[in-house]
Amino acid sequence: MTQNKFEKFLGTYFDQDSVLKVSRWGDILSWVVVAVYTLDFLLALFVFFLQYFRGYLVGMGPTDLATNILFIFERPFRGMVYFIALQGVSKTLLILMDMEVNTRRSAGE
């Protein structure tokens, strides 16, 4: 059997081109999320240092400073979770589509 007969099999419940597009957009969006959260982290860190050196944080105790620093370093972890989730969804779609095609091939041979 040829590859075209497998690709045009009418018994599937999804369009392969749509799945590939969703997977590609998931990949692209995951890297956009990394860029946005990296910029957000760098900007928050820059603003914190500006506030510290300009004296806006003078009356704060060590626990207040530690809390502000913790909030700044917590932000990129959300971005990493979004990145991993989007990459996982993207790769899972490709794996499931590949499994479906391979299952169909093995049944036809």
C-alpha atoms as a PDB file:
ATOM      1  CA  MET A   1       0.000   0.000   0.000  1.00  0.00           C
ATOM      2  CA  THR A   2       1.171   3.500  -0.631  1.00  0.00           C
ATOM      3  CA  GLN A   3       1.600   6.277   1.909  1.00  0.00           C
ATOM      4  CA  ASN A   4      -1.153   8.356   0.243  1.00  0.00           C
ATOM      5  CA  LYS A   5      -3.835   5.759   1.022  1.00  0.00           C
ATOM      6  CA  PHE A   6      -2.884   5.935   4.714  1.00  0.00           C
ATOM      7  CA  GLU A   7      -2.849   9.717   4.799  1.00  0.00           C
ATOM      8  CA  LYS A   8      -6.250  10.003   3.131  1.00  0.00           C
ATOM      9  CA  PHE A   9      -7.929   7.331   5.251  1.00  0.00           C
ATOM     10  CA  LEU A  10     -11.505   8.516   5.825  1.00  0.00           C
ATOM     11  CA  GLY A  11     -11.960   6.616   9.082  1.00  0.00           C
ATOM     12  CA  THR A  12      -9.944   9.092  11.148  1.00  0.00           C
ATOM     13  CA  TYR A  13     -11.697  11.610  13.354  1.00  0.00           C
ATOM     14  CA  PHE A  14      -9.163  14.376  12.873  1.00  0.00           C
ATOM     15  CA  ASP A  15      -7.461  16.286  10.109  1.00  0.00           C
ATOM     16  CA  GLN A  16      -3.712  15.649  10.118  1.00  0.00           C
ATOM     17  CA  ASP A  17      -2.946  19.119   8.786  1.00  0.00           C
ATOM     18  CA  SER A  18      -4.909  20.705  11.626  1.00  0.00           C
ATOM     19  CA  VAL A  19      -3.098  18.604  14.208  1.00  0.00           C
ATOM     20  CA  LEU A  20       0.259  19.601  12.726  1.00  0.00           C
ATOM     21  CA  LYS A  21      -0.746  23.279  12.758  1.00  0.00           C
ATOM     22  CA  VAL A  22      -1.862  23.103  16.393  1.00  0.00           C
ATOM     23  CA  SER A  23       1.388  21.366  17.289  1.00  0.00           C
ATOM     24  CA  ARG A  24       3.472  23.995  15.494  1.00  0.00           C
ATOM     25  CA  TRP A  25       1.542  26.841  17.113  1.00  0.00           C
ATOM     26  CA  GLY A  26       2.051  25.193  20.503  1.00  0.00           C
ATOM     27  CA  ASP A  27       5.797  25.129  19.870  1.00  0.00           C
ATOM     28  CA  ILE A  28       5.853  28.756  18.750  1.00  0.00           C
ATOM     29  CA  LEU A  29       3.661  29.928  21.616  1.00  0.00           C
ATOM     30  CA  SER A  30       5.819  28.118  24.162  1.00  0.00           C
ATOM     31  CA  TRP A  31       8.886  30.048  23.007  1.00  0.00           C
ATOM     32  CA  VAL A  32       6.912  33.312  23.048  1.00  0.00           C
ATOM     33  CA  VAL A  33       6.000  32.532  26.666  1.00  0.00           C
ATOM     34  CA  VAL A  34       9.698  32.000  27.481  1.00  0.00           C
ATOM     35  CA  ALA A  35      10.594  35.350  25.911  1.00  0.00           C
ATOM     36  CA  VAL A  36       7.801  37.238  27.706  1.00  0.00           C
ATOM     37  CA  TYR A  37       8.569  35.733  31.108  1.00  0.00           C
ATOM     38  CA  THR A  38      12.301  36.349  30.639  1.00  0.00           C
ATOM     39  CA  LEU A  39      11.647  40.009  29.870  1.00  0.00           C
ATOM     40  CA  ASP A  40       9.240  40.224  32.801  1.00  0.00           C
ATOM     41  CA  PHE A  41      11.857  38.759  35.154  1.00  0.00           C
ATOM     42  CA  LEU A  42      14.621  41.047  33.946  1.00  0.00           C
ATOM     43  CA  LEU A  43      12.401  44.117  34.187  1.00  0.00           C
ATOM     44  CA  ALA A  44      11.213  43.210  37.702  1.00  0.00           C
ATOM     45  CA  LEU A  45      14.801  42.632  38.810  1.00  0.00           C
ATOM     46  CA  PHE A  46      15.907  45.929  37.272  1.00  0.00           C
ATOM     47  CA  VAL A  47      13.079  47.839  38.976  1.00  0.00           C
ATOM     48  CA  PHE A  48      13.877  46.200  42.311  1.00  0.00           C
ATOM     49  CA  PHE A  49      17.527  47.244  42.097  1.00  0.00           C
ATOM     50  CA  LEU A  50      16.531  50.764  41.068  1.00  0.00           C
ATOM     51  CA  GLN A  51      14.182  51.024  44.050  1.00  0.00           C
ATOM     52  CA  TYR A  52      16.811  49.627  46.383  1.00  0.00           C
ATOM     53  CA  PHE A  53      19.617  51.935  45.262  1.00  0.00           C
ATOM     54  CA  ARG A  54      17.376  55.011  45.120  1.00  0.00           C
ATOM     55  CA  GLY A  55      16.351  54.427  48.717  1.00  0.00           C
ATOM     56  CA  TYR A  56      12.687  53.565  48.228  1.00  0.00           C
ATOM     57  CA  LEU A  57      13.061  50.408  50.299  1.00  0.00           C
ATOM     58  CA  VAL A  58      14.814  52.038  53.275  1.00  0.00           C
ATOM     59  CA  GLY A  59      12.203  51.289  55.940  1.00  0.00           C
ATOM     60  CA  MET A  60      11.837  47.656  55.007  1.00  0.00           C
ATOM     61  CA  GLY A  61      13.236  44.880  57.150  1.00  0.00           C
ATOM     62  CA  PRO A  62      15.142  41.840  55.943  1.00  0.00           C
ATOM     63  CA  THR A  63      12.011  39.706  55.734  1.00  0.00           C
ATOM     64  CA  ASP A  64      10.299  42.340  53.575  1.00  0.00           C
ATOM     65  CA  LEU A  65      13.286  42.411  51.226  1.00  0.00           C
ATOM     66  CA  ALA A  66      13.382  38.609  51.148  1.00  0.00           C
ATOM     67  CA  THR A  67       9.667  38.510  50.301  1.00  0.00           C
ATOM     68  CA  ASN A  68      10.143  40.994  47.445  1.00  0.00           C
ATOM     69  CA  ILE A  69      13.068  38.992  46.099  1.00  0.00           C
ATOM     70  CA  LEU A  70      11.051  35.770  46.400  1.00  0.00           C
ATOM     71  CA  PHE A  71       8.200  37.327  44.416  1.00  0.00           C
ATOM     72  CA  ILE A  72      10.643  38.351  41.697  1.00  0.00           C
ATOM     73  CA  PHE A  73      12.237  34.901  41.430  1.00  0.00           C
ATOM     74  CA  GLU A  74       8.871  33.129  41.588  1.00  0.00           C
ATOM     75  CA  ARG A  75       7.657  34.707  38.339  1.00  0.00           C
ATOM     76  CA  PRO A  76       9.871  32.752  35.910  1.00  0.00           C
ATOM     77  CA  PHE A  77       8.725  29.444  37.389  1.00  0.00           C
ATOM     78  CA  ARG A  78       5.217  30.100  36.102  1.00  0.00           C
ATOM     79  CA  GLY A  79       6.693  30.692  32.662  1.00  0.00           C
ATOM     80  CA  MET A  80       8.633  27.432  32.858  1.00  0.00           C
ATOM     81  CA  VAL A  81       5.455  25.537  33.764  1.00  0.00           C
ATOM     82  CA  TYR A  82       3.602  27.090  30.802  1.00  0.00           C
ATOM     83  CA  PHE A  83       6.538  26.303  28.522  1.00  0.00           C
ATOM     84  CA  ILE A  84       6.716  22.661  29.608  1.00  0.00           C
ATOM     85  CA  ALA A  85       2.937  22.259  29.341  1.00  0.00           C
ATOM     86  CA  LEU A  86       2.783  23.731  25.825  1.00  0.00           C
ATOM     87  CA  GLN A  87       5.759  21.685  24.666  1.00  0.00           C
ATOM     88  CA  GLY A  88       4.202  18.566  26.203  1.00  0.00           C
ATOM     89  CA  VAL A  89       0.873  19.132  24.463  1.00  0.00           C
ATOM     90  CA  SER A  90       2.619  19.800  21.177  1.00  0.00           C
ATOM     91  CA  LYS A  91       4.757  16.675  21.337  1.00  0.00           C
ATOM     92  CA  THR A  92       1.872  14.530  22.635  1.00  0.00           C
ATOM     93  CA  LEU A  93      -0.252  15.495  19.638  1.00  0.00           C
ATOM     94  CA  LEU A  94       2.537  14.405  17.312  1.00  0.00           C
ATOM     95  CA  ILE A  95       3.046  11.148  19.203  1.00  0.00           C
ATOM     96  CA  LEU A  96      -0.661  10.302  19.152  1.00  0.00           C
ATOM     97  CA  MET A  97      -0.908  11.079  15.459  1.00  0.00           C
ATOM     98  CA  ASP A  98       2.144   8.914  14.767  1.00  0.00           C
ATOM     99  CA  MET A  99       0.661   6.073  16.834  1.00  0.00           C
ATOM    100  CA  GLU A 100      -2.574   6.256  14.853  1.00  0.00           C
ATOM    101  CA  VAL A 101      -0.739   6.115  11.523  1.00  0.00           C
ATOM    102  CA  ASN A 102       1.493   3.239  12.678  1.00  0.00           C
ATOM    103  CA  THR A 103      -1.501   1.296  13.993  1.00  0.00           C
ATOM    104  CA  ARG A 104      -3.261   1.709  10.672  1.00  0.00           C
ATOM    105  CA  ARG A 105      -0.114   0.592   8.791  1.00  0.00           C
ATOM    106  CA  SER A 106       0.312  -2.528  10.922  1.00  0.00           C
ATOM    107  CA  ALA A 107      -3.353  -3.463  10.464  1.00  0.00           C
ATOM    108  CA  GLY A 108      -3.107  -3.037   6.688  1.00  0.00           C
ATOM    109  CA  GLU A 109      -0.018  -5.162   6.230  1.00  0.00           C
END
